[in-house]
Amino acid sequence: MDIISIIFIAFGLAMDAFAVSITSGIAIKFLKINNALKIATFFGLFQAIMPIIGWLAGLSFRNIISGFDHWIAFGLLIIIGGKMIYESTKIELNNKKIDPLNIYVLLILSFATSIDALAVGLSLSFLKVFIALPAIIIGMITFLLSIFGVYFGNRFGHYFEKKFEIIGGLVLIGIGIKILIEHLTY
């Protein structure tokens, strides 16, 4: 898989964390750099670790499904992208009672926004892509977008958050289609 595809996957996966970062920025009344760094670190680490877990799980299945692995990768990315688009119409984290800086809330949000990365790691395993570089890129892009999202949300967030998740979902669907076309034409 080429680096451009990995970067697009990273941006697609980061959209959930970005949207939640925006919402977190809205919920934080007096924003400090430590707040943005804490949120971004949690989201970035979870987004980097989950694909590794998915990739390791996929190693045990790879030989069994090597003949149709591209269909599985395509299906997972279509499902993940569709789920992101669907959930963009449902997200209601704008409740001021939720403290995004609370460690338990932050763990739950980090885990919830990185489930998709687990499935992508599984897909990358089936495609025989070594996970180190994608995991680093996914984590870094998520970290950077999350910092930006917290600040953006603190200033303007309530206007744009759902649109970013739709874009992320469309990117993942596009990559799934690209993977399928590449494997069917070889």
N, C-alpha and C. Protein backbone atom coordinates (compact mmCIF):
# COMPACT_ATOMS: atom_id res chain seq x y z
N MET A 1 0.85 -1.17 0.00
CA MET A 1 0.00 0.00 0.00
C MET A 1 0.89 1.23 0.00
N ASP A 2 0.55 2.19 -0.83
CA ASP A 2 1.39 3.38 -0.95
C ASP A 2 1.13 4.36 0.20
N ILE A 3 2.07 5.25 0.39
CA ILE A 3 2.04 6.19 1.51
C ILE A 3 0.84 7.14 1.41
N ILE A 4 0.46 7.50 0.20
CA ILE A 4 -0.70 8.40 0.02
C ILE A 4 -1.97 7.73 0.53
N SER A 5 -2.15 6.46 0.23
CA SER A 5 -3.32 5.73 0.73
C SER A 5 -3.31 5.64 2.25
N ILE A 6 -2.14 5.41 2.82
CA ILE A 6 -2.02 5.34 4.28
C ILE A 6 -2.39 6.69 4.91
N ILE A 7 -1.93 7.77 4.30
CA ILE A 7 -2.26 9.10 4.82
C ILE A 7 -3.76 9.36 4.72
N PHE A 8 -4.37 8.98 3.61
CA PHE A 8 -5.82 9.16 3.47
C PHE A 8 -6.58 8.32 4.50
N ILE A 9 -6.12 7.09 4.71
CA ILE A 9 -6.74 6.24 5.73
C ILE A 9 -6.61 6.91 7.10
N ALA A 10 -5.42 7.44 7.39
CA ALA A 10 -5.19 8.10 8.68
C ALA A 10 -6.14 9.29 8.86
N PHE A 11 -6.30 10.09 7.83
CA PHE A 11 -7.23 11.23 7.92
C PHE A 11 -8.66 10.74 8.09
N GLY A 12 -9.02 9.70 7.36
CA GLY A 12 -10.37 9.15 7.49
C GLY A 12 -10.64 8.65 8.90
N LEU A 13 -9.68 7.91 9.44
CA LEU A 13 -9.84 7.39 10.81
C LEU A 13 -9.84 8.50 11.85
N ALA A 14 -9.07 9.54 11.61
CA ALA A 14 -8.94 10.62 12.58
C ALA A 14 -10.19 11.49 12.66
N MET A 15 -11.10 11.37 11.71
CA MET A 15 -12.27 12.25 11.70
C MET A 15 -13.18 12.03 12.91
N ASP A 16 -13.31 10.80 13.38
CA ASP A 16 -14.09 10.56 14.61
C ASP A 16 -13.48 11.31 15.78
N ALA A 17 -12.17 11.13 15.96
CA ALA A 17 -11.47 11.80 17.06
C ALA A 17 -11.50 13.31 16.88
N PHE A 18 -11.40 13.77 15.65
CA PHE A 18 -11.46 15.20 15.37
C PHE A 18 -12.82 15.77 15.76
N ALA A 19 -13.89 15.06 15.37
CA ALA A 19 -15.23 15.53 15.72
C ALA A 19 -15.43 15.56 17.24
N VAL A 20 -14.95 14.53 17.93
CA VAL A 20 -15.07 14.50 19.39
C VAL A 20 -14.18 15.56 20.03
N SER A 21 -13.03 15.84 19.42
CA SER A 21 -12.16 16.91 19.92
C SER A 21 -12.85 18.27 19.80
N ILE A 22 -13.52 18.47 18.70
CA ILE A 22 -14.27 19.72 18.53
C ILE A 22 -15.32 19.84 19.63
N THR A 23 -16.05 18.75 19.85
CA THR A 23 -17.08 18.74 20.88
C THR A 23 -16.46 18.95 22.26
N SER A 24 -15.30 18.35 22.49
CA SER A 24 -14.60 18.55 23.77
C SER A 24 -14.20 20.00 23.93
N GLY A 25 -13.72 20.61 22.87
CA GLY A 25 -13.35 22.02 22.93
C GLY A 25 -14.54 22.91 23.25
N ILE A 26 -15.71 22.52 22.75
CA ILE A 26 -16.93 23.27 23.06
C ILE A 26 -17.23 23.15 24.56
N ALA A 27 -17.03 21.96 25.11
CA ALA A 27 -17.39 21.70 26.51
C ALA A 27 -16.41 22.31 27.52
N ILE A 28 -15.18 22.61 27.09
CA ILE A 28 -14.17 23.15 28.01
C ILE A 28 -14.30 24.67 28.01
N LYS A 29 -14.67 25.19 29.15
CA LYS A 29 -14.92 26.63 29.25
C LYS A 29 -13.63 27.46 29.15
N PHE A 30 -12.63 27.12 29.95
CA PHE A 30 -11.36 27.85 29.96
C PHE A 30 -10.26 26.92 29.45
N LEU A 31 -10.02 26.96 28.16
CA LEU A 31 -9.09 26.04 27.51
C LEU A 31 -7.64 26.41 27.79
N LYS A 32 -6.85 25.39 28.16
CA LYS A 32 -5.40 25.54 28.35
C LYS A 32 -4.71 24.55 27.42
N ILE A 33 -3.45 24.80 27.12
CA ILE A 33 -2.68 23.92 26.24
C ILE A 33 -2.63 22.50 26.81
N ASN A 34 -2.54 22.36 28.13
CA ASN A 34 -2.50 21.03 28.75
C ASN A 34 -3.77 20.23 28.43
N ASN A 35 -4.92 20.92 28.37
CA ASN A 35 -6.17 20.24 28.06
C ASN A 35 -6.13 19.67 26.64
N ALA A 36 -5.71 20.49 25.70
CA ALA A 36 -5.63 20.05 24.30
C ALA A 36 -4.62 18.91 24.14
N LEU A 37 -3.47 19.02 24.81
CA LEU A 37 -2.45 17.97 24.73
C LEU A 37 -2.93 16.65 25.35
N LYS A 38 -3.65 16.74 26.46
CA LYS A 38 -4.17 15.53 27.11
C LYS A 38 -5.14 14.79 26.19
N ILE A 39 -6.08 15.52 25.64
CA ILE A 39 -7.08 14.91 24.75
C ILE A 39 -6.39 14.34 23.51
N ALA A 40 -5.51 15.12 22.89
CA ALA A 40 -4.82 14.68 21.67
C ALA A 40 -3.93 13.47 21.92
N THR A 41 -3.29 13.42 23.07
CA THR A 41 -2.42 12.28 23.39
C THR A 41 -3.25 11.00 23.53
N PHE A 42 -4.34 11.08 24.25
CA PHE A 42 -5.20 9.90 24.39
C PHE A 42 -5.71 9.43 23.03
N PHE A 43 -6.26 10.34 22.24
CA PHE A 43 -6.82 9.96 20.95
C PHE A 43 -5.72 9.43 20.02
N GLY A 44 -4.57 10.10 19.98
CA GLY A 44 -3.48 9.66 19.11
C GLY A 44 -2.94 8.29 19.49
N LEU A 45 -2.75 8.05 20.80
CA LEU A 45 -2.25 6.75 21.24
C LEU A 45 -3.23 5.62 20.94
N PHE A 46 -4.49 5.83 21.24
CA PHE A 46 -5.48 4.79 20.96
C PHE A 46 -5.57 4.52 19.46
N GLN A 47 -5.54 5.58 18.65
CA GLN A 47 -5.62 5.40 17.20
C GLN A 47 -4.38 4.70 16.65
N ALA A 48 -3.24 4.81 17.32
CA ALA A 48 -2.02 4.13 16.88
C ALA A 48 -1.99 2.68 17.36
N ILE A 49 -2.50 2.42 18.55
CA ILE A 49 -2.44 1.08 19.14
C ILE A 49 -3.49 0.14 18.55
N MET A 50 -4.69 0.65 18.31
CA MET A 50 -5.77 -0.23 17.84
C MET A 50 -5.48 -0.89 16.49
N PRO A 51 -4.89 -0.21 15.50
CA PRO A 51 -4.57 -0.93 14.26
C PRO A 51 -3.54 -2.04 14.47
N ILE A 52 -2.64 -1.83 15.42
CA ILE A 52 -1.64 -2.87 15.72
C ILE A 52 -2.34 -4.10 16.28
N ILE A 53 -3.29 -3.89 17.17
CA ILE A 53 -4.05 -5.02 17.74
C ILE A 53 -4.82 -5.74 16.63
N GLY A 54 -5.48 -4.97 15.76
CA GLY A 54 -6.22 -5.58 14.64
C GLY A 54 -5.30 -6.31 13.69
N TRP A 55 -4.14 -5.74 13.41
CA TRP A 55 -3.16 -6.36 12.52
C TRP A 55 -2.66 -7.68 13.10
N LEU A 56 -2.35 -7.68 14.40
CA LEU A 56 -1.89 -8.91 15.04
C LEU A 56 -2.96 -9.99 15.01
N ALA A 57 -4.21 -9.60 15.22
CA ALA A 57 -5.31 -10.57 15.14
C ALA A 57 -5.44 -11.12 13.72
N GLY A 58 -5.24 -10.26 12.75
CA GLY A 58 -5.37 -10.68 11.37
C GLY A 58 -4.28 -11.63 10.91
N LEU A 59 -3.12 -11.60 11.54
CA LEU A 59 -2.03 -12.49 11.15
C LEU A 59 -2.44 -13.95 11.24
N SER A 60 -3.24 -14.27 12.25
CA SER A 60 -3.64 -15.67 12.42
C SER A 60 -4.66 -16.11 11.38
N PHE A 61 -5.35 -15.17 10.76
CA PHE A 61 -6.37 -15.52 9.76
C PHE A 61 -5.89 -15.35 8.33
N ARG A 62 -4.78 -14.66 8.14
CA ARG A 62 -4.35 -14.25 6.81
C ARG A 62 -4.21 -15.42 5.83
N ASN A 63 -3.56 -16.50 6.23
CA ASN A 63 -3.36 -17.63 5.31
C ASN A 63 -4.66 -18.30 4.91
N ILE A 64 -5.62 -18.31 5.82
CA ILE A 64 -6.90 -18.95 5.55
C ILE A 64 -7.70 -18.18 4.51
N ILE A 65 -7.62 -16.87 4.52
CA ILE A 65 -8.49 -16.06 3.67
C ILE A 65 -7.75 -15.28 2.59
N SER A 66 -6.53 -15.67 2.26
CA SER A 66 -5.73 -14.90 1.32
C SER A 66 -6.37 -14.78 -0.06
N GLY A 67 -7.23 -15.70 -0.44
CA GLY A 67 -7.88 -15.63 -1.75
C GLY A 67 -8.96 -14.57 -1.86
N PHE A 68 -9.51 -14.16 -0.77
CA PHE A 68 -10.59 -13.16 -0.82
C PHE A 68 -10.38 -12.04 0.20
N ASP A 69 -9.14 -11.84 0.62
CA ASP A 69 -8.85 -10.81 1.62
C ASP A 69 -9.19 -9.40 1.16
N HIS A 70 -9.04 -9.14 -0.15
CA HIS A 70 -9.37 -7.80 -0.66
C HIS A 70 -10.86 -7.51 -0.53
N TRP A 71 -11.68 -8.55 -0.62
CA TRP A 71 -13.13 -8.36 -0.43
C TRP A 71 -13.43 -8.03 1.04
N ILE A 72 -12.69 -8.66 1.94
CA ILE A 72 -12.88 -8.37 3.37
C ILE A 72 -12.45 -6.94 3.68
N ALA A 73 -11.28 -6.54 3.16
CA ALA A 73 -10.81 -5.17 3.37
C ALA A 73 -11.81 -4.17 2.79
N PHE A 74 -12.29 -4.45 1.59
CA PHE A 74 -13.30 -3.59 0.95
C PHE A 74 -14.55 -3.51 1.83
N GLY A 75 -15.04 -4.65 2.28
CA GLY A 75 -16.25 -4.68 3.10
C GLY A 75 -16.09 -3.94 4.41
N LEU A 76 -14.96 -4.16 5.08
CA LEU A 76 -14.72 -3.48 6.35
C LEU A 76 -14.66 -1.96 6.17
N LEU A 77 -13.95 -1.50 5.14
CA LEU A 77 -13.84 -0.06 4.93
C LEU A 77 -15.17 0.55 4.52
N ILE A 78 -15.97 -0.16 3.74
CA ILE A 78 -17.31 0.33 3.37
C ILE A 78 -18.19 0.41 4.62
N ILE A 79 -18.14 -0.62 5.45
CA ILE A 79 -18.94 -0.62 6.68
C ILE A 79 -18.50 0.50 7.62
N ILE A 80 -17.19 0.63 7.82
CA ILE A 80 -16.67 1.67 8.71
C ILE A 80 -17.05 3.06 8.18
N GLY A 81 -16.82 3.28 6.89
CA GLY A 81 -17.16 4.58 6.30
C GLY A 81 -18.65 4.87 6.38
N GLY A 82 -19.47 3.86 6.08
CA GLY A 82 -20.92 4.03 6.19
C GLY A 82 -21.36 4.31 7.61
N LYS A 83 -20.73 3.62 8.56
CA LYS A 83 -21.04 3.83 9.98
C LYS A 83 -20.69 5.26 10.39
N MET A 84 -19.55 5.75 9.93
CA MET A 84 -19.16 7.12 10.27
C MET A 84 -20.17 8.12 9.71
N ILE A 85 -20.59 7.90 8.48
CA ILE A 85 -21.56 8.82 7.87
C ILE A 85 -22.89 8.75 8.63
N TYR A 86 -23.33 7.54 8.93
CA TYR A 86 -24.58 7.37 9.69
C TYR A 86 -24.49 8.03 11.06
N GLU A 87 -23.39 7.77 11.78
CA GLU A 87 -23.24 8.32 13.13
C GLU A 87 -23.08 9.82 13.13
N SER A 88 -22.66 10.40 12.01
CA SER A 88 -22.52 11.85 11.97
C SER A 88 -23.88 12.53 12.14
N THR A 89 -24.93 11.81 11.88
CA THR A 89 -26.27 12.37 12.07
C THR A 89 -26.79 12.12 13.47
N LYS A 90 -26.07 11.31 14.26
CA LYS A 90 -26.54 10.91 15.58
C LYS A 90 -25.76 11.50 16.74
N ILE A 91 -24.54 11.99 16.52
CA ILE A 91 -23.66 12.41 17.62
C ILE A 91 -24.29 13.57 18.39
N GLU A 92 -24.37 13.40 19.67
CA GLU A 92 -24.90 14.42 20.58
C GLU A 92 -24.03 14.48 21.82
N LEU A 93 -22.75 14.80 21.67
CA LEU A 93 -21.84 14.86 22.80
C LEU A 93 -21.74 16.28 23.35
N ASN A 94 -22.57 17.16 22.83
CA ASN A 94 -22.51 18.57 23.17
C ASN A 94 -23.08 18.86 24.55
N ASN A 95 -23.33 17.85 25.33
CA ASN A 95 -23.89 18.00 26.66
C ASN A 95 -22.82 18.53 27.61
N LYS A 96 -23.05 19.68 28.22
CA LYS A 96 -22.06 20.32 29.09
C LYS A 96 -21.79 19.52 30.36
N LYS A 97 -22.63 18.54 30.69
CA LYS A 97 -22.44 17.73 31.90
C LYS A 97 -21.29 16.74 31.74
N ILE A 98 -20.91 16.43 30.52
CA ILE A 98 -19.81 15.50 30.28
C ILE A 98 -18.50 16.28 30.30
N ASP A 99 -17.58 15.84 31.15
CA ASP A 99 -16.27 16.49 31.26
C ASP A 99 -15.27 15.71 30.42
N PRO A 100 -14.88 16.22 29.26
CA PRO A 100 -13.96 15.47 28.40
C PRO A 100 -12.56 15.33 28.98
N LEU A 101 -12.26 16.02 30.07
CA LEU A 101 -10.94 15.92 30.70
C LEU A 101 -10.92 14.88 31.81
N ASN A 102 -12.09 14.36 32.19
CA ASN A 102 -12.17 13.29 33.18
C ASN A 102 -11.52 12.05 32.57
N ILE A 103 -10.64 11.41 33.30
CA ILE A 103 -9.85 10.29 32.77
C ILE A 103 -10.74 9.15 32.27
N TYR A 104 -11.82 8.86 32.97
CA TYR A 104 -12.72 7.77 32.56
C TYR A 104 -13.47 8.14 31.29
N VAL A 105 -13.94 9.36 31.22
CA VAL A 105 -14.62 9.83 30.01
C VAL A 105 -13.65 9.83 28.85
N LEU A 106 -12.43 10.28 29.08
CA LEU A 106 -11.42 10.34 28.03
C LEU A 106 -11.04 8.94 27.53
N LEU A 107 -10.95 7.97 28.45
CA LEU A 107 -10.67 6.58 28.04
C LEU A 107 -11.80 6.03 27.18
N ILE A 108 -13.03 6.27 27.58
CA ILE A 108 -14.18 5.78 26.82
C ILE A 108 -14.22 6.44 25.44
N LEU A 109 -14.04 7.74 25.39
CA LEU A 109 -14.05 8.44 24.11
C LEU A 109 -12.91 7.98 23.22
N SER A 110 -11.74 7.78 23.79
CA SER A 110 -10.58 7.32 23.02
C SER A 110 -10.82 5.93 22.44
N PHE A 111 -11.37 5.05 23.26
CA PHE A 111 -11.66 3.70 22.79
C PHE A 111 -12.74 3.72 21.72
N ALA A 112 -13.80 4.47 21.97
CA ALA A 112 -14.92 4.51 21.03
C ALA A 112 -14.52 5.08 19.68
N THR A 113 -13.65 6.08 19.68
CA THR A 113 -13.24 6.67 18.40
C THR A 113 -12.17 5.86 17.69
N SER A 114 -11.61 4.85 18.34
CA SER A 114 -10.54 4.07 17.71
C SER A 114 -10.95 2.65 17.33
N ILE A 115 -12.20 2.29 17.54
CA ILE A 115 -12.67 0.96 17.14
C ILE A 115 -12.48 0.75 15.64
N ASP A 116 -12.76 1.80 14.86
CA ASP A 116 -12.60 1.71 13.42
C ASP A 116 -11.15 1.41 13.04
N ALA A 117 -10.21 1.94 13.81
CA ALA A 117 -8.79 1.70 13.54
C ALA A 117 -8.43 0.23 13.74
N LEU A 118 -9.10 -0.44 14.66
CA LEU A 118 -8.90 -1.87 14.87
C LEU A 118 -9.25 -2.64 13.60
N ALA A 119 -10.40 -2.30 13.02
CA ALA A 119 -10.83 -2.98 11.80
C ALA A 119 -9.90 -2.66 10.63
N VAL A 120 -9.40 -1.45 10.56
CA VAL A 120 -8.45 -1.09 9.50
C VAL A 120 -7.15 -1.87 9.68
N GLY A 121 -6.70 -2.03 10.91
CA GLY A 121 -5.50 -2.84 11.17
C GLY A 121 -5.70 -4.28 10.70
N LEU A 122 -6.88 -4.82 10.93
CA LEU A 122 -7.23 -6.15 10.46
C LEU A 122 -7.14 -6.20 8.93
N SER A 123 -7.69 -5.18 8.27
CA SER A 123 -7.64 -5.10 6.81
C SER A 123 -6.20 -5.02 6.31
N LEU A 124 -5.38 -4.23 6.97
CA LEU A 124 -3.98 -4.09 6.54
C LEU A 124 -3.22 -5.40 6.69
N SER A 125 -3.59 -6.18 7.69
CA SER A 125 -2.98 -7.48 7.86
C SER A 125 -3.32 -8.40 6.68
N PHE A 126 -4.58 -8.37 6.28
CA PHE A 126 -5.01 -9.19 5.15
C PHE A 126 -4.33 -8.76 3.85
N LEU A 127 -4.02 -7.48 3.75
CA LEU A 127 -3.36 -6.95 2.56
C LEU A 127 -1.84 -7.07 2.62
N LYS A 128 -1.34 -7.69 3.70
CA LYS A 128 0.09 -7.92 3.91
C LYS A 128 0.89 -6.61 3.98
N VAL A 129 0.29 -5.61 4.63
CA VAL A 129 0.96 -4.33 4.85
C VAL A 129 1.55 -4.38 6.26
N PHE A 130 2.86 -4.12 6.38
CA PHE A 130 3.48 -4.07 7.71
C PHE A 130 2.91 -2.88 8.46
N ILE A 131 2.56 -3.04 9.71
CA ILE A 131 1.73 -2.09 10.45
C ILE A 131 2.49 -0.92 11.08
N ALA A 132 3.78 -0.99 11.22
CA ALA A 132 4.52 0.04 11.97
C ALA A 132 4.30 1.45 11.40
N LEU A 133 4.57 1.63 10.13
CA LEU A 133 4.43 2.97 9.53
C LEU A 133 2.98 3.45 9.54
N PRO A 134 2.02 2.63 9.11
CA PRO A 134 0.62 3.10 9.19
C PRO A 134 0.20 3.47 10.61
N ALA A 135 0.59 2.70 11.61
CA ALA A 135 0.20 3.00 12.99
C ALA A 135 0.78 4.33 13.44
N ILE A 136 2.03 4.58 13.10
CA ILE A 136 2.67 5.85 13.46
C ILE A 136 1.97 7.03 12.77
N ILE A 137 1.71 6.87 11.48
CA ILE A 137 1.05 7.95 10.73
C ILE A 137 -0.36 8.19 11.25
N ILE A 138 -1.11 7.12 11.50
CA ILE A 138 -2.47 7.25 12.03
C ILE A 138 -2.45 7.97 13.38
N GLY A 139 -1.55 7.57 14.26
CA GLY A 139 -1.44 8.20 15.57
C GLY A 139 -1.05 9.66 15.49
N MET A 140 -0.07 9.97 14.65
CA MET A 140 0.40 11.36 14.53
C MET A 140 -0.67 12.27 13.95
N ILE A 141 -1.31 11.83 12.89
CA ILE A 141 -2.35 12.65 12.26
C ILE A 141 -3.52 12.85 13.22
N THR A 142 -3.89 11.79 13.93
CA THR A 142 -4.96 11.92 14.91
C THR A 142 -4.58 12.90 16.02
N PHE A 143 -3.35 12.79 16.51
CA PHE A 143 -2.86 13.69 17.55
C PHE A 143 -2.95 15.15 17.09
N LEU A 144 -2.42 15.42 15.90
CA LEU A 144 -2.40 16.80 15.39
C LEU A 144 -3.81 17.33 15.13
N LEU A 145 -4.65 16.51 14.51
CA LEU A 145 -6.03 16.95 14.26
C LEU A 145 -6.81 17.14 15.56
N SER A 146 -6.50 16.33 16.57
CA SER A 146 -7.19 16.46 17.85
C SER A 146 -6.82 17.76 18.57
N ILE A 147 -5.55 18.12 18.53
CA ILE A 147 -5.15 19.41 19.13
C ILE A 147 -5.89 20.55 18.41
N PHE A 148 -5.83 20.50 17.09
CA PHE A 148 -6.52 21.53 16.31
C PHE A 148 -8.02 21.51 16.61
N GLY A 149 -8.61 20.31 16.70
CA GLY A 149 -10.04 20.17 16.95
C GLY A 149 -10.47 20.77 18.27
N VAL A 150 -9.67 20.57 19.32
CA VAL A 150 -10.02 21.13 20.63
C VAL A 150 -10.05 22.66 20.54
N TYR A 151 -9.04 23.24 19.95
CA TYR A 151 -9.00 24.70 19.82
C TYR A 151 -10.10 25.22 18.89
N PHE A 152 -10.27 24.53 17.78
CA PHE A 152 -11.31 24.90 16.83
C PHE A 152 -12.68 24.81 17.48
N GLY A 153 -12.92 23.73 18.20
CA GLY A 153 -14.20 23.54 18.88
C GLY A 153 -14.45 24.59 19.94
N ASN A 154 -13.40 24.97 20.62
CA ASN A 154 -13.54 25.98 21.65
C ASN A 154 -13.99 27.32 21.06
N ARG A 155 -13.59 27.56 19.82
CA ARG A 155 -13.94 28.82 19.17
C ARG A 155 -15.18 28.72 18.27
N PHE A 156 -15.22 27.69 17.39
CA PHE A 156 -16.26 27.65 16.35
C PHE A 156 -16.97 26.30 16.21
N GLY A 157 -16.66 25.34 17.04
CA GLY A 157 -17.03 23.94 16.84
C GLY A 157 -18.45 23.61 16.53
N HIS A 158 -19.39 24.22 17.16
CA HIS A 158 -20.77 23.81 17.00
C HIS A 158 -21.29 24.03 15.58
N TYR A 159 -20.55 24.70 14.71
CA TYR A 159 -20.99 24.93 13.34
C TYR A 159 -20.63 23.80 12.37
N PHE A 160 -19.52 23.06 12.64
CA PHE A 160 -18.96 22.18 11.62
C PHE A 160 -18.79 20.71 11.97
N GLU A 161 -18.90 20.29 13.21
CA GLU A 161 -18.41 18.98 13.63
C GLU A 161 -18.95 17.80 12.81
N LYS A 162 -20.20 17.76 12.46
CA LYS A 162 -20.77 16.61 11.77
C LYS A 162 -20.26 16.48 10.32
N LYS A 163 -19.94 17.57 9.68
CA LYS A 163 -19.46 17.54 8.30
C LYS A 163 -18.13 16.81 8.19
N PHE A 164 -17.27 16.93 9.20
CA PHE A 164 -15.95 16.28 9.15
C PHE A 164 -16.09 14.77 9.20
N GLU A 165 -17.03 14.25 9.96
CA GLU A 165 -17.22 12.80 10.02
C GLU A 165 -17.75 12.26 8.70
N ILE A 166 -18.60 13.01 8.03
CA ILE A 166 -19.10 12.59 6.71
C ILE A 166 -17.94 12.49 5.74
N ILE A 167 -17.07 13.48 5.73
CA ILE A 167 -15.90 13.47 4.84
C ILE A 167 -15.01 12.27 5.16
N GLY A 168 -14.75 12.02 6.44
CA GLY A 168 -13.94 10.86 6.83
C GLY A 168 -14.54 9.55 6.35
N GLY A 169 -15.85 9.40 6.49
CA GLY A 169 -16.54 8.19 6.02
C GLY A 169 -16.41 8.02 4.52
N LEU A 170 -16.57 9.10 3.77
CA LEU A 170 -16.44 9.04 2.31
C LEU A 170 -15.02 8.67 1.89
N VAL A 171 -14.03 9.18 2.61
CA VAL A 171 -12.63 8.84 2.31
C VAL A 171 -12.40 7.34 2.49
N LEU A 172 -12.88 6.77 3.61
CA LEU A 172 -12.69 5.33 3.84
C LEU A 172 -13.41 4.49 2.79
N ILE A 173 -14.60 4.88 2.41
CA ILE A 173 -15.33 4.16 1.35
C ILE A 173 -14.55 4.23 0.04
N GLY A 174 -14.01 5.40 -0.28
CA GLY A 174 -13.21 5.55 -1.49
C GLY A 174 -11.97 4.66 -1.50
N ILE A 175 -11.32 4.55 -0.36
CA ILE A 175 -10.13 3.69 -0.27
C ILE A 175 -10.53 2.23 -0.40
N GLY A 176 -11.66 1.84 0.19
CA GLY A 176 -12.15 0.47 0.04
C GLY A 176 -12.40 0.13 -1.42
N ILE A 177 -13.02 1.04 -2.15
CA ILE A 177 -13.27 0.83 -3.58
C ILE A 177 -11.95 0.73 -4.35
N LYS A 178 -10.99 1.59 -4.00
CA LYS A 178 -9.67 1.56 -4.65
C LYS A 178 -8.97 0.22 -4.43
N ILE A 179 -9.02 -0.30 -3.21
CA ILE A 179 -8.39 -1.60 -2.91
C ILE A 179 -9.04 -2.69 -3.75
N LEU A 180 -10.36 -2.70 -3.81
CA LEU A 180 -11.07 -3.72 -4.58
C LEU A 180 -10.71 -3.65 -6.06
N ILE A 181 -10.72 -2.46 -6.62
CA ILE A 181 -10.39 -2.28 -8.05
C ILE A 181 -8.97 -2.74 -8.32
N GLU A 182 -8.03 -2.37 -7.45
CA GLU A 182 -6.63 -2.77 -7.64
C GLU A 182 -6.49 -4.29 -7.68
N HIS A 183 -7.18 -5.00 -6.76
CA HIS A 183 -7.04 -6.45 -6.71
C HIS A 183 -7.80 -7.16 -7.81
N LEU A 184 -8.86 -6.58 -8.29
CA LEU A 184 -9.63 -7.21 -9.36
C LEU A 184 -8.98 -7.00 -10.72
N THR A 185 -8.15 -5.97 -10.87
CA THR A 185 -7.51 -5.70 -12.15
C THR A 185 -6.15 -6.38 -12.31
N TYR A 186 -5.65 -7.02 -11.22
CA TYR A 186 -4.36 -7.72 -11.32
C TYR A 186 -4.55 -9.16 -11.65
